[in-house]
Protein backbone atom coordinates (compact mmCIF):
# COMPACT_ATOMS: atom_id res chain seq x y z
CA MET A 1 86.78 108.12 105.04
CA PHE A 2 89.37 106.62 102.74
CA THR A 3 93.10 106.03 102.54
CA ILE A 4 95.47 105.91 99.56
CA GLU A 5 98.76 104.01 99.60
CA HIS A 6 101.28 103.45 96.82
CA ASP A 7 102.83 99.98 96.85
CA PHE A 8 105.51 98.66 94.52
CA ASP A 9 103.13 97.46 91.80
CA ALA A 10 99.74 98.88 92.82
CA THR A 11 97.91 101.83 94.28
CA VAL A 12 95.70 100.73 97.17
CA ILE A 13 92.59 102.71 98.07
CA THR A 14 90.64 101.66 101.16
CA LEU A 15 87.09 102.93 101.67
CA ILE A 16 86.20 102.88 105.36
CA ASP A 17 82.53 102.89 106.31
CA GLU A 18 81.55 105.48 108.89
CA ALA A 19 78.22 106.16 110.54
CA GLU A 20 76.84 108.09 113.46
CA PRO A 21 76.72 105.88 116.57
CA ASN A 22 73.67 103.56 116.69
CA THR A 23 72.31 104.67 113.29
CA ARG A 24 73.11 101.51 111.31
CA PRO A 25 75.52 98.58 111.25
CA LEU A 26 78.88 99.33 109.64
CA ASN A 27 79.87 97.61 106.41
CA GLU A 28 83.25 96.00 105.91
CA ASP A 29 85.98 98.14 104.34
CA VAL A 30 86.27 98.09 100.54
CA VAL A 31 89.82 97.78 99.21
CA ILE A 32 90.58 98.81 95.62
CA LEU A 33 93.88 97.64 94.16
CA SER A 34 94.84 99.43 90.95
CA PHE A 35 97.48 97.67 88.85
CA GLU A 36 98.81 98.58 85.41
CA ASP A 37 96.47 96.16 83.60
CA ARG A 38 93.55 95.63 86.01
CA VAL A 39 91.66 96.86 89.06
CA VAL A 40 90.71 94.47 91.86
CA ILE A 41 87.99 95.26 94.40
CA GLU A 42 87.98 93.32 97.67
CA GLN A 43 85.63 93.20 100.65
CA MET A 44 85.48 90.80 103.58
CA ASP A 45 82.25 88.79 103.69
CA PRO A 46 81.38 88.60 107.39
CA GLN A 47 79.09 85.58 106.85
CA THR A 48 81.79 83.37 105.31
CA ASP A 49 84.87 85.09 106.76
CA GLN A 50 86.29 85.05 103.22
CA VAL A 51 87.47 87.95 101.08
CA ALA A 52 85.26 88.50 98.03
CA ARG A 53 87.24 89.72 94.99
CA VAL A 54 86.17 91.16 91.67
CA ALA A 55 88.76 91.91 88.98
CA PHE A 56 88.13 94.39 86.16
CA THR A 57 90.23 94.79 83.04
CA MET A 58 90.96 98.41 82.17
CA HIS A 59 88.40 98.15 79.33
CA GLN A 60 85.72 96.87 81.74
CA LEU A 61 86.54 99.70 84.12
CA THR A 62 86.12 102.22 81.30
CA GLU A 63 82.74 100.69 80.45
CA LEU A 64 81.69 100.86 84.11
CA ARG A 65 82.72 104.50 84.36
CA LEU A 66 80.71 105.36 81.25
CA ALA A 67 77.71 103.27 82.36
CA LEU A 68 77.39 105.23 85.58
CA ASN A 69 76.49 108.31 83.51
CA LEU A 70 74.22 106.78 80.84
CA PRO A 71 70.49 106.04 80.78
CA GLU A 72 69.08 102.52 80.57
CA GLY A 73 69.96 100.71 77.34
CA ASN A 74 72.57 98.64 75.49
CA TYR A 75 75.87 100.20 74.54
CA ARG A 76 79.13 99.25 72.82
CA ILE A 77 82.28 101.32 73.07
CA GLN A 78 84.03 101.77 69.72
CA ARG A 79 87.75 101.46 70.26
CA THR A 80 90.00 103.89 68.47
CA ASP A 81 93.59 102.79 68.09
CA ASP A 82 95.88 105.82 68.10
């Protein structure tokens, strides 16, 4: 399950873990904050009771998106300035 909310300066997507009862422990929700210049992914760490955050630039996010569909190897994206 997930939710989508539009805030003033960001779109917030929350991924909510679901499982059949007694099949496995649930994971903490993943919150994705999409800003104009970056994307931040947050998840509560139940061991430390702290929120873990990872910030991606838009270029890093593009590389991640491409990497999910490529085989093992080294790659460099050639930027084209329009």
